[in-house]
Amino acid sequence: MPARSGWAEPETAGTAPVSAARRNAYLVTLVVLPAVVPAAAAGVAWGRGVGPRDLVIAAVMYTVSIFGISVGYHRMLTHRAFKCRRPLRVALALAGGLALEGPASLWAAEHRRHHKYADRPGDPHSPWAYGESAWGLARGVLHAQVGWFYTARRRSDRRHWVPDLLDDPDIRRLDAAYPLTAAASFALPALAGGLWSAS
C-alpha cells in the first residue's frame, strides 16, 4: 500500500484488536444499510418517489443526528467543552447514536486518539495515509470518512482513552442499548411518515 513519506505503522498504544466479523458488521450497518434501505423502502412502501413529507422527515432526522454527533458526541463527550444537565446530556448522546457512527464511548475514544495523533501514525482516520498524489488523496478522503471504520485492525481502547465515559452510568447504558438506537434510526422516519400520512 502506498504511504506518505515517513508514514509508519500506526501507534498501537491504547488500541484493542477488532475481529473481521465485527468490521464486516460495522461496514454493513454504517455504510451499506443507510444507503440501501431508504432507497428500497421508498419504492416498495409507496410505489412512488420521494415527496415533500419525506424530505421534511429526512431534514428533521438529519438535524437531530448532526446535532447529536457535532454537539453531543464531539463537543460534549470527546472534548468536554461544556457541561449540561443530565436530561440534555442523555438526549444529545442519544441523538448522536441516531447518526449510526457507533456507540458514544467508542466514537469519543477514536476521536480523542485522532486528536492526539492528528495526521501522524496512530491517527485512526488520517486522509494522508495513502500519500499526496491525486489518487492517494482520493483514497485518503474515502479512508478518512468511512474506510477507516471498516479497515481498522485495532480500535481505540476505551479504558485508555475514555475512562471518564466508562464511569458514567448513562453513557454505559446508552452504549449497551446502541443496537436499539441504531434500529430506532431506521424505524423513526418510517413511524413518523406513517403517523403523518394517517392524520
N, C-alpha and C. Protein backbone atom coordinates (compact mmCIF):
# COMPACT_ATOMS: atom_id res chain seq x y z
N MET A 1 0.85 -1.17 0.00
CA MET A 1 0.00 0.00 0.00
C MET A 1 0.89 1.23 0.00
N PRO A 2 0.61 2.23 -0.88
CA PRO A 2 1.42 3.43 -0.91
C PRO A 2 1.32 4.16 0.42
N ALA A 3 2.38 4.84 0.78
CA ALA A 3 2.35 5.55 2.06
C ALA A 3 3.00 6.91 1.92
N ARG A 4 2.58 7.82 2.75
CA ARG A 4 3.18 9.14 2.79
C ARG A 4 4.61 8.99 3.27
N SER A 5 5.48 9.82 2.76
CA SER A 5 6.86 9.76 3.16
C SER A 5 6.96 9.86 4.68
N GLY A 6 7.62 8.90 5.28
CA GLY A 6 7.77 8.89 6.72
C GLY A 6 6.59 8.26 7.46
N TRP A 7 5.58 7.81 6.73
CA TRP A 7 4.41 7.21 7.36
C TRP A 7 4.79 5.82 7.83
N ALA A 8 4.60 5.53 9.08
CA ALA A 8 4.99 4.24 9.64
C ALA A 8 3.76 3.48 10.09
N GLU A 9 3.98 2.30 10.62
CA GLU A 9 2.87 1.55 11.18
C GLU A 9 2.21 2.38 12.26
N PRO A 10 0.88 2.31 12.36
CA PRO A 10 0.18 3.10 13.37
C PRO A 10 0.61 2.76 14.78
N GLU A 11 0.58 3.75 15.62
CA GLU A 11 0.84 3.58 17.05
C GLU A 11 -0.22 2.63 17.60
N THR A 12 0.19 1.64 18.36
CA THR A 12 -0.77 0.67 18.88
C THR A 12 -1.06 0.87 20.36
N ALA A 13 -0.37 1.81 21.02
CA ALA A 13 -0.67 2.07 22.43
C ALA A 13 -2.10 2.57 22.55
N GLY A 14 -2.83 2.01 23.47
CA GLY A 14 -4.21 2.46 23.68
C GLY A 14 -5.17 1.95 22.62
N THR A 15 -4.82 0.84 21.96
CA THR A 15 -5.71 0.24 20.96
C THR A 15 -6.06 -1.17 21.36
N ALA A 16 -7.12 -1.70 20.76
CA ALA A 16 -7.54 -3.07 21.01
C ALA A 16 -7.88 -3.71 19.66
N PRO A 17 -7.54 -5.00 19.46
CA PRO A 17 -7.81 -5.64 18.17
C PRO A 17 -9.31 -5.74 17.88
N VAL A 18 -9.63 -5.73 16.58
CA VAL A 18 -11.02 -5.84 16.13
C VAL A 18 -11.11 -7.04 15.19
N SER A 19 -12.10 -7.87 15.40
CA SER A 19 -12.26 -9.06 14.56
C SER A 19 -12.79 -8.68 13.18
N ALA A 20 -12.53 -9.52 12.19
CA ALA A 20 -13.04 -9.30 10.84
C ALA A 20 -14.57 -9.30 10.84
N ALA A 21 -15.19 -10.15 11.64
CA ALA A 21 -16.65 -10.20 11.70
C ALA A 21 -17.23 -8.88 12.19
N ARG A 22 -16.58 -8.29 13.19
CA ARG A 22 -17.06 -7.01 13.71
C ARG A 22 -16.86 -5.91 12.67
N ARG A 23 -15.73 -5.91 11.96
CA ARG A 23 -15.51 -4.91 10.91
C ARG A 23 -16.57 -5.05 9.82
N ASN A 24 -16.90 -6.28 9.45
CA ASN A 24 -17.93 -6.50 8.44
C ASN A 24 -19.29 -6.01 8.93
N ALA A 25 -19.60 -6.27 10.20
CA ALA A 25 -20.88 -5.79 10.76
C ALA A 25 -20.92 -4.27 10.75
N TYR A 26 -19.80 -3.61 11.08
CA TYR A 26 -19.74 -2.15 11.02
C TYR A 26 -19.98 -1.67 9.60
N LEU A 27 -19.32 -2.29 8.64
CA LEU A 27 -19.47 -1.87 7.24
C LEU A 27 -20.93 -1.95 6.81
N VAL A 28 -21.56 -3.07 7.08
CA VAL A 28 -22.96 -3.25 6.67
C VAL A 28 -23.86 -2.25 7.38
N THR A 29 -23.70 -2.12 8.69
CA THR A 29 -24.59 -1.26 9.48
C THR A 29 -24.37 0.22 9.21
N LEU A 30 -23.12 0.64 9.06
CA LEU A 30 -22.83 2.07 8.97
C LEU A 30 -22.68 2.60 7.55
N VAL A 31 -22.42 1.74 6.60
CA VAL A 31 -22.20 2.22 5.24
C VAL A 31 -23.24 1.70 4.27
N VAL A 32 -23.51 0.41 4.29
CA VAL A 32 -24.39 -0.19 3.29
C VAL A 32 -25.87 0.06 3.60
N LEU A 33 -26.31 -0.29 4.80
CA LEU A 33 -27.74 -0.16 5.14
C LEU A 33 -28.28 1.27 5.01
N PRO A 34 -27.58 2.29 5.50
CA PRO A 34 -28.13 3.63 5.37
C PRO A 34 -28.35 4.07 3.92
N ALA A 35 -27.61 3.52 3.00
CA ALA A 35 -27.80 3.87 1.59
C ALA A 35 -28.87 3.00 0.92
N VAL A 36 -28.88 1.72 1.24
CA VAL A 36 -29.76 0.78 0.56
C VAL A 36 -31.19 0.78 1.09
N VAL A 37 -31.35 0.79 2.40
CA VAL A 37 -32.68 0.65 2.98
C VAL A 37 -33.64 1.76 2.56
N PRO A 38 -33.27 3.04 2.68
CA PRO A 38 -34.23 4.07 2.26
C PRO A 38 -34.59 4.00 0.78
N ALA A 39 -33.60 3.72 -0.05
CA ALA A 39 -33.88 3.62 -1.49
C ALA A 39 -34.84 2.48 -1.79
N ALA A 40 -34.62 1.34 -1.17
CA ALA A 40 -35.51 0.20 -1.38
C ALA A 40 -36.88 0.44 -0.77
N ALA A 41 -36.91 1.03 0.40
CA ALA A 41 -38.18 1.25 1.10
C ALA A 41 -39.09 2.22 0.35
N ALA A 42 -38.52 3.25 -0.25
CA ALA A 42 -39.35 4.24 -0.94
C ALA A 42 -40.17 3.61 -2.05
N GLY A 43 -39.51 2.83 -2.88
CA GLY A 43 -40.23 2.19 -3.98
C GLY A 43 -41.21 1.13 -3.53
N VAL A 44 -40.82 0.33 -2.56
CA VAL A 44 -41.68 -0.77 -2.09
C VAL A 44 -42.87 -0.24 -1.30
N ALA A 45 -42.62 0.64 -0.37
CA ALA A 45 -43.68 1.10 0.53
C ALA A 45 -44.68 2.04 -0.13
N TRP A 46 -44.19 2.91 -0.98
CA TRP A 46 -45.08 3.92 -1.52
C TRP A 46 -45.42 3.71 -2.98
N GLY A 47 -44.59 2.95 -3.67
CA GLY A 47 -44.81 2.79 -5.11
C GLY A 47 -44.63 4.11 -5.85
N ARG A 48 -43.92 5.02 -5.23
CA ARG A 48 -43.67 6.33 -5.83
C ARG A 48 -42.33 6.86 -5.34
N GLY A 49 -41.96 7.99 -5.81
CA GLY A 49 -40.70 8.60 -5.40
C GLY A 49 -40.82 9.31 -4.06
N VAL A 50 -39.85 10.12 -3.79
CA VAL A 50 -39.79 10.87 -2.53
C VAL A 50 -40.62 12.14 -2.67
N GLY A 51 -41.47 12.39 -1.66
CA GLY A 51 -42.33 13.57 -1.67
C GLY A 51 -41.92 14.58 -0.61
N PRO A 52 -42.67 15.69 -0.51
CA PRO A 52 -42.33 16.75 0.45
C PRO A 52 -42.30 16.26 1.91
N ARG A 53 -43.24 15.40 2.30
CA ARG A 53 -43.23 14.88 3.67
C ARG A 53 -41.94 14.10 3.94
N ASP A 54 -41.54 13.31 2.96
CA ASP A 54 -40.31 12.53 3.12
C ASP A 54 -39.10 13.45 3.32
N LEU A 55 -39.07 14.55 2.58
CA LEU A 55 -37.96 15.49 2.69
C LEU A 55 -37.96 16.18 4.06
N VAL A 56 -39.14 16.51 4.57
CA VAL A 56 -39.23 17.13 5.90
C VAL A 56 -38.73 16.15 6.97
N ILE A 57 -39.19 14.91 6.89
CA ILE A 57 -38.76 13.89 7.86
C ILE A 57 -37.25 13.68 7.77
N ALA A 58 -36.72 13.61 6.55
CA ALA A 58 -35.27 13.45 6.37
C ALA A 58 -34.51 14.64 6.96
N ALA A 59 -35.01 15.86 6.73
CA ALA A 59 -34.34 17.05 7.26
C ALA A 59 -34.35 17.06 8.78
N VAL A 60 -35.47 16.67 9.38
CA VAL A 60 -35.55 16.63 10.85
C VAL A 60 -34.59 15.57 11.40
N MET A 61 -34.60 14.38 10.82
CA MET A 61 -33.71 13.32 11.29
C MET A 61 -32.24 13.73 11.12
N TYR A 62 -31.93 14.35 9.99
CA TYR A 62 -30.56 14.81 9.76
C TYR A 62 -30.16 15.85 10.81
N THR A 63 -31.04 16.80 11.07
CA THR A 63 -30.75 17.85 12.03
C THR A 63 -30.52 17.27 13.43
N VAL A 64 -31.39 16.37 13.85
CA VAL A 64 -31.24 15.76 15.17
C VAL A 64 -29.93 14.98 15.26
N SER A 65 -29.64 14.16 14.25
CA SER A 65 -28.43 13.34 14.32
C SER A 65 -27.16 14.16 14.16
N ILE A 66 -27.18 15.21 13.34
CA ILE A 66 -25.96 16.01 13.16
C ILE A 66 -25.67 16.82 14.43
N PHE A 67 -26.73 17.30 15.10
CA PHE A 67 -26.51 17.97 16.39
C PHE A 67 -26.01 16.95 17.41
N GLY A 68 -26.54 15.75 17.36
CA GLY A 68 -26.09 14.71 18.29
C GLY A 68 -24.62 14.39 18.13
N ILE A 69 -24.16 14.29 16.87
CA ILE A 69 -22.75 14.00 16.62
C ILE A 69 -21.88 15.21 16.93
N SER A 70 -22.21 16.36 16.37
CA SER A 70 -21.32 17.51 16.50
C SER A 70 -21.34 18.14 17.89
N VAL A 71 -22.52 18.28 18.48
CA VAL A 71 -22.61 18.90 19.80
C VAL A 71 -22.47 17.84 20.90
N GLY A 72 -23.18 16.71 20.75
CA GLY A 72 -23.17 15.68 21.78
C GLY A 72 -21.89 14.86 21.82
N TYR A 73 -21.69 14.03 20.80
CA TYR A 73 -20.52 13.16 20.78
C TYR A 73 -19.22 13.98 20.74
N HIS A 74 -19.14 14.98 19.85
CA HIS A 74 -17.88 15.66 19.62
C HIS A 74 -17.56 16.69 20.71
N ARG A 75 -18.37 17.74 20.81
CA ARG A 75 -18.03 18.82 21.75
C ARG A 75 -18.23 18.41 23.21
N MET A 76 -19.37 17.77 23.51
CA MET A 76 -19.68 17.46 24.90
C MET A 76 -18.88 16.27 25.43
N LEU A 77 -18.91 15.14 24.71
CA LEU A 77 -18.28 13.92 25.24
C LEU A 77 -16.79 13.83 24.92
N THR A 78 -16.41 14.10 23.69
CA THR A 78 -15.00 13.95 23.33
C THR A 78 -14.14 15.05 23.94
N HIS A 79 -14.53 16.30 23.72
CA HIS A 79 -13.70 17.43 24.16
C HIS A 79 -14.08 18.00 25.52
N ARG A 80 -15.20 17.53 26.06
CA ARG A 80 -15.67 18.04 27.36
C ARG A 80 -15.71 19.57 27.36
N ALA A 81 -16.18 20.14 26.23
CA ALA A 81 -16.21 21.59 26.04
C ALA A 81 -17.26 22.28 26.88
N PHE A 82 -18.27 21.54 27.31
CA PHE A 82 -19.31 22.13 28.14
C PHE A 82 -19.97 21.03 28.97
N LYS A 83 -20.67 21.47 29.99
CA LYS A 83 -21.46 20.56 30.82
C LYS A 83 -22.90 21.02 30.74
N CYS A 84 -23.80 20.07 30.89
CA CYS A 84 -25.22 20.42 30.88
C CYS A 84 -25.95 19.48 31.83
N ARG A 85 -27.20 19.76 32.06
CA ARG A 85 -27.99 18.92 32.94
C ARG A 85 -28.16 17.53 32.33
N ARG A 86 -28.38 16.57 33.20
CA ARG A 86 -28.44 15.16 32.80
C ARG A 86 -29.43 14.89 31.66
N PRO A 87 -30.68 15.40 31.70
CA PRO A 87 -31.60 15.08 30.60
C PRO A 87 -31.08 15.54 29.22
N LEU A 88 -30.47 16.73 29.17
CA LEU A 88 -29.93 17.21 27.90
C LEU A 88 -28.71 16.40 27.49
N ARG A 89 -27.87 16.05 28.45
CA ARG A 89 -26.68 15.23 28.16
C ARG A 89 -27.10 13.88 27.55
N VAL A 90 -28.09 13.24 28.15
CA VAL A 90 -28.57 11.95 27.64
C VAL A 90 -29.21 12.14 26.26
N ALA A 91 -30.01 13.20 26.10
CA ALA A 91 -30.66 13.45 24.82
C ALA A 91 -29.63 13.69 23.71
N LEU A 92 -28.59 14.47 23.98
CA LEU A 92 -27.56 14.72 22.97
C LEU A 92 -26.79 13.44 22.61
N ALA A 93 -26.47 12.64 23.62
CA ALA A 93 -25.77 11.38 23.36
C ALA A 93 -26.66 10.41 22.59
N LEU A 94 -27.92 10.36 22.91
CA LEU A 94 -28.87 9.51 22.18
C LEU A 94 -29.00 9.99 20.74
N ALA A 95 -29.11 11.30 20.54
CA ALA A 95 -29.19 11.86 19.19
C ALA A 95 -27.94 11.53 18.39
N GLY A 96 -26.78 11.54 19.04
CA GLY A 96 -25.55 11.16 18.35
C GLY A 96 -25.58 9.72 17.88
N GLY A 97 -26.18 8.85 18.69
CA GLY A 97 -26.31 7.44 18.29
C GLY A 97 -27.18 7.26 17.07
N LEU A 98 -28.15 8.16 16.87
CA LEU A 98 -29.03 8.06 15.69
C LEU A 98 -28.28 8.29 14.39
N ALA A 99 -27.09 8.89 14.46
CA ALA A 99 -26.29 9.12 13.25
C ALA A 99 -25.61 7.86 12.75
N LEU A 100 -25.71 6.77 13.50
CA LEU A 100 -25.15 5.47 13.11
C LEU A 100 -23.63 5.50 12.95
N GLU A 101 -22.96 6.21 13.86
CA GLU A 101 -21.50 6.25 13.82
C GLU A 101 -20.88 5.50 14.99
N GLY A 102 -21.67 4.67 15.65
CA GLY A 102 -21.15 3.84 16.72
C GLY A 102 -21.56 4.34 18.09
N PRO A 103 -21.32 3.51 19.11
CA PRO A 103 -21.64 3.90 20.48
C PRO A 103 -20.83 5.12 20.92
N ALA A 104 -21.37 5.88 21.84
CA ALA A 104 -20.75 7.14 22.27
C ALA A 104 -19.31 6.96 22.75
N SER A 105 -19.07 5.99 23.60
CA SER A 105 -17.72 5.85 24.16
C SER A 105 -16.71 5.43 23.09
N LEU A 106 -17.10 4.60 22.14
CA LEU A 106 -16.18 4.21 21.07
C LEU A 106 -15.88 5.40 20.16
N TRP A 107 -16.91 6.16 19.81
CA TRP A 107 -16.72 7.33 18.95
C TRP A 107 -15.77 8.31 19.62
N ALA A 108 -16.00 8.60 20.89
CA ALA A 108 -15.17 9.55 21.62
C ALA A 108 -13.74 9.04 21.76
N ALA A 109 -13.57 7.74 22.00
CA ALA A 109 -12.22 7.18 22.12
C ALA A 109 -11.47 7.32 20.80
N GLU A 110 -12.12 6.98 19.69
CA GLU A 110 -11.46 7.11 18.38
C GLU A 110 -11.11 8.57 18.11
N HIS A 111 -12.00 9.48 18.50
CA HIS A 111 -11.75 10.89 18.18
C HIS A 111 -10.69 11.50 19.09
N ARG A 112 -10.65 11.10 20.35
CA ARG A 112 -9.57 11.59 21.22
C ARG A 112 -8.22 11.10 20.70
N ARG A 113 -8.18 9.86 20.26
CA ARG A 113 -6.94 9.32 19.68
C ARG A 113 -6.58 10.08 18.41
N HIS A 114 -7.59 10.37 17.59
CA HIS A 114 -7.35 11.14 16.36
C HIS A 114 -6.70 12.49 16.69
N HIS A 115 -7.19 13.17 17.71
CA HIS A 115 -6.62 14.47 18.05
C HIS A 115 -5.20 14.34 18.60
N LYS A 116 -4.92 13.29 19.31
CA LYS A 116 -3.56 13.13 19.83
C LYS A 116 -2.56 12.90 18.71
N TYR A 117 -2.94 12.12 17.69
CA TYR A 117 -2.03 11.76 16.62
C TYR A 117 -2.40 12.40 15.28
N ALA A 118 -3.10 13.50 15.28
CA ALA A 118 -3.64 14.09 14.04
C ALA A 118 -2.64 14.07 12.89
N ASP A 119 -3.04 13.35 11.82
CA ASP A 119 -2.27 13.25 10.58
C ASP A 119 -0.86 12.72 10.77
N ARG A 120 -0.70 11.87 11.78
CA ARG A 120 0.57 11.17 12.01
C ARG A 120 0.24 9.71 12.26
N PRO A 121 1.25 8.85 12.26
CA PRO A 121 0.98 7.45 12.60
C PRO A 121 0.27 7.35 13.94
N GLY A 122 -0.77 6.53 13.98
CA GLY A 122 -1.60 6.40 15.16
C GLY A 122 -2.95 7.06 14.99
N ASP A 123 -3.07 8.00 14.03
CA ASP A 123 -4.36 8.64 13.75
C ASP A 123 -5.24 7.60 13.06
N PRO A 124 -6.39 7.26 13.65
CA PRO A 124 -7.20 6.20 13.04
C PRO A 124 -7.83 6.59 11.71
N HIS A 125 -7.97 7.89 11.43
CA HIS A 125 -8.61 8.26 10.16
C HIS A 125 -7.98 9.47 9.50
N SER A 126 -6.67 9.40 9.32
CA SER A 126 -5.98 10.48 8.62
C SER A 126 -6.20 10.35 7.11
N PRO A 127 -6.49 11.46 6.42
CA PRO A 127 -6.62 11.40 4.96
C PRO A 127 -5.26 11.29 4.26
N TRP A 128 -4.16 11.39 5.01
CA TRP A 128 -2.83 11.36 4.40
C TRP A 128 -2.22 9.96 4.36
N ALA A 129 -2.94 8.95 4.76
CA ALA A 129 -2.39 7.60 4.89
C ALA A 129 -1.93 7.00 3.57
N TYR A 130 -2.41 7.51 2.43
CA TYR A 130 -2.07 6.92 1.14
C TYR A 130 -1.21 7.84 0.27
N GLY A 131 -0.63 8.86 0.83
CA GLY A 131 0.27 9.72 0.09
C GLY A 131 -0.40 11.00 -0.39
N GLU A 132 0.38 11.78 -1.14
CA GLU A 132 -0.06 13.10 -1.56
C GLU A 132 -0.40 13.19 -3.04
N SER A 133 -0.35 12.08 -3.78
CA SER A 133 -0.75 12.10 -5.18
C SER A 133 -2.27 12.28 -5.26
N ALA A 134 -2.77 12.61 -6.44
CA ALA A 134 -4.22 12.78 -6.61
C ALA A 134 -4.95 11.50 -6.20
N TRP A 135 -4.45 10.35 -6.64
CA TRP A 135 -5.07 9.08 -6.30
C TRP A 135 -4.95 8.80 -4.80
N GLY A 136 -3.78 9.08 -4.22
CA GLY A 136 -3.57 8.88 -2.80
C GLY A 136 -4.50 9.75 -1.97
N LEU A 137 -4.70 11.01 -2.39
CA LEU A 137 -5.60 11.90 -1.66
C LEU A 137 -7.05 11.45 -1.79
N ALA A 138 -7.43 10.98 -2.99
CA ALA A 138 -8.81 10.48 -3.17
C ALA A 138 -9.05 9.27 -2.26
N ARG A 139 -8.09 8.35 -2.23
CA ARG A 139 -8.21 7.19 -1.34
C ARG A 139 -8.21 7.64 0.12
N GLY A 140 -7.37 8.64 0.42
CA GLY A 140 -7.28 9.14 1.78
C GLY A 140 -8.57 9.76 2.27
N VAL A 141 -9.25 10.52 1.40
CA VAL A 141 -10.52 11.13 1.79
C VAL A 141 -11.56 10.04 2.05
N LEU A 142 -11.62 9.04 1.17
CA LEU A 142 -12.55 7.93 1.39
C LEU A 142 -12.22 7.20 2.69
N HIS A 143 -10.93 6.97 2.91
CA HIS A 143 -10.49 6.31 4.14
C HIS A 143 -10.87 7.14 5.37
N ALA A 144 -10.64 8.45 5.31
CA ALA A 144 -10.91 9.32 6.46
C ALA A 144 -12.39 9.39 6.79
N GLN A 145 -13.25 9.28 5.79
CA GLN A 145 -14.69 9.41 6.02
C GLN A 145 -15.33 8.10 6.48
N VAL A 146 -15.12 7.01 5.77
CA VAL A 146 -15.77 5.75 6.13
C VAL A 146 -14.84 4.55 6.11
N GLY A 147 -13.83 4.56 5.28
CA GLY A 147 -12.99 3.38 5.12
C GLY A 147 -12.27 2.97 6.38
N TRP A 148 -11.84 3.93 7.17
CA TRP A 148 -11.07 3.62 8.37
C TRP A 148 -11.88 2.77 9.34
N PHE A 149 -13.18 2.98 9.37
CA PHE A 149 -14.00 2.24 10.32
C PHE A 149 -14.09 0.78 9.95
N TYR A 150 -14.01 0.51 8.66
CA TYR A 150 -14.07 -0.87 8.19
C TYR A 150 -12.70 -1.54 8.18
N THR A 151 -11.67 -0.78 7.81
CA THR A 151 -10.36 -1.41 7.62
C THR A 151 -9.51 -1.44 8.88
N ALA A 152 -9.87 -0.70 9.89
CA ALA A 152 -9.04 -0.65 11.11
C ALA A 152 -8.88 -2.03 11.72
N ARG A 153 -7.66 -2.39 11.97
CA ARG A 153 -7.37 -3.67 12.61
C ARG A 153 -7.42 -3.54 14.14
N ARG A 154 -7.29 -2.30 14.61
CA ARG A 154 -7.30 -2.06 16.04
C ARG A 154 -8.20 -0.87 16.34
N ARG A 155 -9.03 -1.01 17.36
CA ARG A 155 -9.89 0.06 17.82
C ARG A 155 -9.23 0.73 19.01
N SER A 156 -9.55 1.96 19.23
CA SER A 156 -9.04 2.68 20.40
C SER A 156 -9.58 2.02 21.66
N ASP A 157 -8.68 1.73 22.57
CA ASP A 157 -9.06 1.08 23.82
C ASP A 157 -9.81 2.09 24.70
N ARG A 158 -11.06 1.82 24.95
CA ARG A 158 -11.89 2.76 25.70
C ARG A 158 -11.37 2.97 27.13
N ARG A 159 -10.81 1.92 27.72
CA ARG A 159 -10.27 2.08 29.09
C ARG A 159 -9.13 3.10 29.10
N HIS A 160 -8.40 3.18 28.01
CA HIS A 160 -7.28 4.11 27.92
C HIS A 160 -7.75 5.53 27.58
N TRP A 161 -8.64 5.65 26.58
CA TRP A 161 -9.00 6.96 26.02
C TRP A 161 -10.20 7.62 26.69
N VAL A 162 -11.16 6.86 27.18
CA VAL A 162 -12.38 7.49 27.73
C VAL A 162 -12.79 6.88 29.07
N PRO A 163 -11.89 6.80 30.04
CA PRO A 163 -12.30 6.22 31.33
C PRO A 163 -13.41 7.04 31.98
N ASP A 164 -13.44 8.34 31.71
CA ASP A 164 -14.50 9.19 32.27
C ASP A 164 -15.87 8.78 31.76
N LEU A 165 -15.96 8.40 30.48
CA LEU A 165 -17.24 7.98 29.92
C LEU A 165 -17.63 6.59 30.40
N LEU A 166 -16.65 5.73 30.59
CA LEU A 166 -16.94 4.39 31.10
C LEU A 166 -17.42 4.45 32.55
N ASP A 167 -17.06 5.51 33.26
CA ASP A 167 -17.52 5.69 34.64
C ASP A 167 -18.91 6.32 34.71
N ASP A 168 -19.43 6.78 33.58
CA ASP A 168 -20.73 7.45 33.53
C ASP A 168 -21.82 6.41 33.28
N PRO A 169 -22.71 6.17 34.26
CA PRO A 169 -23.73 5.12 34.08
C PRO A 169 -24.68 5.38 32.91
N ASP A 170 -24.97 6.65 32.62
CA ASP A 170 -25.85 6.96 31.48
C ASP A 170 -25.19 6.58 30.16
N ILE A 171 -23.92 6.90 30.02
CA ILE A 171 -23.20 6.56 28.77
C ILE A 171 -23.06 5.04 28.66
N ARG A 172 -22.79 4.35 29.75
CA ARG A 172 -22.72 2.88 29.71
C ARG A 172 -24.05 2.29 29.25
N ARG A 173 -25.16 2.82 29.76
CA ARG A 173 -26.48 2.32 29.34
C ARG A 173 -26.73 2.60 27.87
N LEU A 174 -26.38 3.81 27.42
CA LEU A 174 -26.58 4.14 26.00
C LEU A 174 -25.70 3.27 25.11
N ASP A 175 -24.46 3.01 25.53
CA ASP A 175 -23.58 2.12 24.76
C ASP A 175 -24.19 0.72 24.66
N ALA A 176 -24.71 0.21 25.79
CA ALA A 176 -25.31 -1.13 25.80
C ALA A 176 -26.55 -1.18 24.93
N ALA A 177 -27.28 -0.07 24.87
CA ALA A 177 -28.51 -0.02 24.09
C ALA A 177 -28.27 0.45 22.65
N TYR A 178 -27.01 0.58 22.23
CA TYR A 178 -26.73 1.11 20.90
C TYR A 178 -27.43 0.33 19.77
N PRO A 179 -27.50 -1.00 19.82
CA PRO A 179 -28.24 -1.69 18.76
C PRO A 179 -29.70 -1.22 18.65
N LEU A 180 -30.33 -0.94 19.78
CA LEU A 180 -31.70 -0.42 19.75
C LEU A 180 -31.74 1.00 19.18
N THR A 181 -30.73 1.80 19.52
CA THR A 181 -30.66 3.16 18.98
C THR A 181 -30.49 3.11 17.46
N ALA A 182 -29.63 2.21 16.99
CA ALA A 182 -29.43 2.07 15.54
C ALA A 182 -30.73 1.63 14.86
N ALA A 183 -31.44 0.69 15.48
CA ALA A 183 -32.72 0.25 14.92
C ALA A 183 -33.72 1.40 14.91
N ALA A 184 -33.71 2.21 15.96
CA ALA A 184 -34.61 3.37 16.02
C ALA A 184 -34.31 4.37 14.92
N SER A 185 -33.04 4.49 14.55
CA SER A 185 -32.67 5.41 13.48
C SER A 185 -33.33 5.02 12.17
N PHE A 186 -33.54 3.74 11.95
CA PHE A 186 -34.24 3.26 10.75
C PHE A 186 -35.75 3.32 10.94
N ALA A 187 -36.23 3.03 12.15
CA ALA A 187 -37.67 2.94 12.39
C ALA A 187 -38.36 4.29 12.55
N LEU A 188 -37.70 5.26 13.17
CA LEU A 188 -38.34 6.55 13.44
C LEU A 188 -38.85 7.27 12.19
N PRO A 189 -38.06 7.34 11.11
CA PRO A 189 -38.60 8.01 9.92
C PRO A 189 -39.84 7.30 9.36
N ALA A 190 -39.83 5.98 9.36
CA ALA A 190 -41.00 5.23 8.87
C ALA A 190 -42.21 5.47 9.77
N LEU A 191 -41.99 5.46 11.07
CA LEU A 191 -43.07 5.70 12.01
C LEU A 191 -43.63 7.11 11.84
N ALA A 192 -42.73 8.10 11.74
CA ALA A 192 -43.17 9.49 11.54
C ALA A 192 -43.96 9.63 10.24
N GLY A 193 -43.47 8.99 9.18
CA GLY A 193 -44.18 9.04 7.90
C GLY A 193 -45.54 8.40 7.98
N GLY A 194 -45.63 7.26 8.65
CA GLY A 194 -46.91 6.56 8.78
C GLY A 194 -47.90 7.37 9.59
N LEU A 195 -47.44 7.97 10.71
CA LEU A 195 -48.33 8.78 11.53
C LEU A 195 -48.78 10.03 10.80
N TRP A 196 -47.85 10.65 10.08
CA TRP A 196 -48.17 11.87 9.34
C TRP A 196 -49.17 11.56 8.23
N SER A 197 -49.00 10.45 7.54
CA SER A 197 -49.90 10.07 6.46
C SER A 197 -51.29 9.73 6.98
N ALA A 198 -51.36 9.16 8.19
CA ALA A 198 -52.64 8.74 8.75
C ALA A 198 -53.45 9.92 9.26
N SER A 199 -52.79 11.04 9.53
CA SER A 199 -53.53 12.18 10.10
C SER A 199 -54.21 13.03 9.05
